[in-house]
Amino acid sequence: MFKSVTFEVTGDQRLVCEGCEQRVERLLKALPGVGKVRAQAHNQQIQVLFDSAVVDAAAIAERIGKAGYQTKVSSSTSEPGG
């Protein structure tokens, strides 16, 4: 089943430019089970669509953390037809 989760960047290190957005998107898309990723510096959010049978939100958050960003989940939903 596909799920959508939105992380809010909360730590001292922020998404500040398009390069930051692209770096986070590349890191997360490399994870098995991750479909779409959209990082947005203007609102400090990272939206991820992923297959919950392959990867979970905690693993995604851990990967974001390894990139130096502290986050919290701001929303999470299941996608129909996943």
C-alpha atoms as a PDB file:
ATOM      1  CA  MET A   1       0.000   0.000   0.000  1.00  0.00           C
ATOM      2  CA  PHE A   2       1.287   3.405  -0.885  1.00  0.00           C
ATOM      3  CA  LYS A   3       1.401   6.027   1.825  1.00  0.00           C
ATOM      4  CA  SER A   4       2.145   9.711   1.776  1.00  0.00           C
ATOM      5  CA  VAL A   5       4.021  11.419   4.572  1.00  0.00           C
ATOM      6  CA  THR A   6       5.030  15.050   4.987  1.00  0.00           C
ATOM      7  CA  PHE A   7       8.018  15.882   7.145  1.00  0.00           C
ATOM      8  CA  GLU A   8       8.595  19.371   8.520  1.00  0.00           C
ATOM      9  CA  VAL A   9      12.233  20.428   8.900  1.00  0.00           C
ATOM     10  CA  THR A  10      12.599  21.578  12.522  1.00  0.00           C
ATOM     11  CA  GLY A  11      16.315  21.707  13.338  1.00  0.00           C
ATOM     12  CA  ASP A  12      18.984  24.348  12.923  1.00  0.00           C
ATOM     13  CA  GLN A  13      19.939  23.111   9.455  1.00  0.00           C
ATOM     14  CA  ARG A  14      17.264  24.253   7.017  1.00  0.00           C
ATOM     15  CA  LEU A  15      16.430  23.714   3.377  1.00  0.00           C
ATOM     16  CA  VAL A  16      17.705  27.000   1.947  1.00  0.00           C
ATOM     17  CA  CYS A  17      17.983  26.542  -1.808  1.00  0.00           C
ATOM     18  CA  GLU A  18      17.115  24.408  -4.811  1.00  0.00           C
ATOM     19  CA  GLY A  19      20.359  22.476  -4.339  1.00  0.00           C
ATOM     20  CA  CYS A  20      19.271  21.452  -0.827  1.00  0.00           C
ATOM     21  CA  GLU A  21      15.916  20.333  -2.180  1.00  0.00           C
ATOM     22  CA  GLN A  22      17.523  18.268  -4.945  1.00  0.00           C
ATOM     23  CA  ARG A  23      20.017  16.663  -2.542  1.00  0.00           C
ATOM     24  CA  VAL A  24      17.249  15.496  -0.190  1.00  0.00           C
ATOM     25  CA  GLU A  25      15.139  14.269  -3.115  1.00  0.00           C
ATOM     26  CA  ARG A  26      18.060  12.239  -4.529  1.00  0.00           C
ATOM     27  CA  LEU A  27      18.877  10.706  -1.130  1.00  0.00           C
ATOM     28  CA  LEU A  28      15.306   9.609  -0.519  1.00  0.00           C
ATOM     29  CA  LYS A  29      14.621   8.343  -4.044  1.00  0.00           C
ATOM     30  CA  ALA A  30      17.611   6.003  -3.582  1.00  0.00           C
ATOM     31  CA  LEU A  31      15.710   4.186  -0.809  1.00  0.00           C
ATOM     32  CA  PRO A  32      13.873   1.050  -2.011  1.00  0.00           C
ATOM     33  CA  GLY A  33      10.104   1.616  -1.902  1.00  0.00           C
ATOM     34  CA  VAL A  34      10.225   5.398  -2.229  1.00  0.00           C
ATOM     35  CA  GLY A  35       8.252   6.670  -5.214  1.00  0.00           C
ATOM     36  CA  LYS A  36       7.911  10.438  -5.305  1.00  0.00           C
ATOM     37  CA  VAL A  37       9.754  13.016  -3.232  1.00  0.00           C
ATOM     38  CA  ARG A  38       9.204  16.756  -3.151  1.00  0.00           C
ATOM     39  CA  ALA A  39      11.379  18.900  -0.907  1.00  0.00           C
ATOM     40  CA  GLN A  40      10.335  22.549  -0.567  1.00  0.00           C
ATOM     41  CA  ALA A  41      12.594  25.177   0.950  1.00  0.00           C
ATOM     42  CA  HIS A  42       9.886  27.862   1.028  1.00  0.00           C
ATOM     43  CA  ASN A  43       7.816  25.984   3.624  1.00  0.00           C
ATOM     44  CA  GLN A  44      10.498  23.609   5.033  1.00  0.00           C
ATOM     45  CA  GLN A  45       8.528  20.506   4.033  1.00  0.00           C
ATOM     46  CA  ILE A  46       9.510  17.198   2.471  1.00  0.00           C
ATOM     47  CA  GLN A  47       6.653  15.200   0.953  1.00  0.00           C
ATOM     48  CA  VAL A  48       7.261  11.506   0.285  1.00  0.00           C
ATOM     49  CA  LEU A  49       5.095   8.888  -1.436  1.00  0.00           C
ATOM     50  CA  PHE A  50       6.293   5.388  -0.517  1.00  0.00           C
ATOM     51  CA  ASP A  51       5.327   1.714  -0.506  1.00  0.00           C
ATOM     52  CA  SER A  52       4.738   0.821   3.150  1.00  0.00           C
ATOM     53  CA  ALA A  53       5.350  -2.856   2.394  1.00  0.00           C
ATOM     54  CA  VAL A  54       8.967  -2.019   1.494  1.00  0.00           C
ATOM     55  CA  VAL A  55       9.948   0.944   3.680  1.00  0.00           C
ATOM     56  CA  ASP A  56       8.439   2.833   6.613  1.00  0.00           C
ATOM     57  CA  ALA A  57       8.321   6.492   7.597  1.00  0.00           C
ATOM     58  CA  ALA A  58      10.885   5.918  10.369  1.00  0.00           C
ATOM     59  CA  ALA A  59      13.478   4.705   7.842  1.00  0.00           C
ATOM     60  CA  ILE A  60      12.768   7.723   5.655  1.00  0.00           C
ATOM     61  CA  ALA A  61      13.149  10.066   8.640  1.00  0.00           C
ATOM     62  CA  GLU A  62      16.418   8.340   9.531  1.00  0.00           C
ATOM     63  CA  ARG A  63      17.776   8.939   6.011  1.00  0.00           C
ATOM     64  CA  ILE A  64      16.793  12.615   6.232  1.00  0.00           C
ATOM     65  CA  GLY A  65      18.559  12.783   9.598  1.00  0.00           C
ATOM     66  CA  LYS A  66      21.744  11.330   8.111  1.00  0.00           C
ATOM     67  CA  ALA A  67      21.647  14.209   5.626  1.00  0.00           C
ATOM     68  CA  GLY A  68      21.728  16.581   8.610  1.00  0.00           C
ATOM     69  CA  TYR A  69      18.081  17.617   8.834  1.00  0.00           C
ATOM     70  CA  GLN A  70      15.943  17.191  11.944  1.00  0.00           C
ATOM     71  CA  THR A  71      12.303  16.612  11.072  1.00  0.00           C
ATOM     72  CA  LYS A  72       8.914  15.808  12.505  1.00  0.00           C
ATOM     73  CA  VAL A  73       5.945  14.256  10.733  1.00  0.00           C
ATOM     74  CA  SER A  74       3.386  16.937   9.953  1.00  0.00           C
ATOM     75  CA  SER A  75       0.921  14.655   8.116  1.00  0.00           C
ATOM     76  CA  SER A  76       0.553  11.073   6.960  1.00  0.00           C
ATOM     77  CA  THR A  77      -2.069   9.399   4.752  1.00  0.00           C
ATOM     78  CA  SER A  78      -2.713   6.174   2.865  1.00  0.00           C
ATOM     79  CA  GLU A  79      -3.173   6.464  -0.884  1.00  0.00           C
ATOM     80  CA  PRO A  80      -6.116   4.608  -2.450  1.00  0.00           C
ATOM     81  CA  GLY A  81      -5.279   2.018  -5.076  1.00  0.00           C
ATOM     82  CA  GLY A  82      -1.752   1.516  -3.762  1.00  0.00           C
END
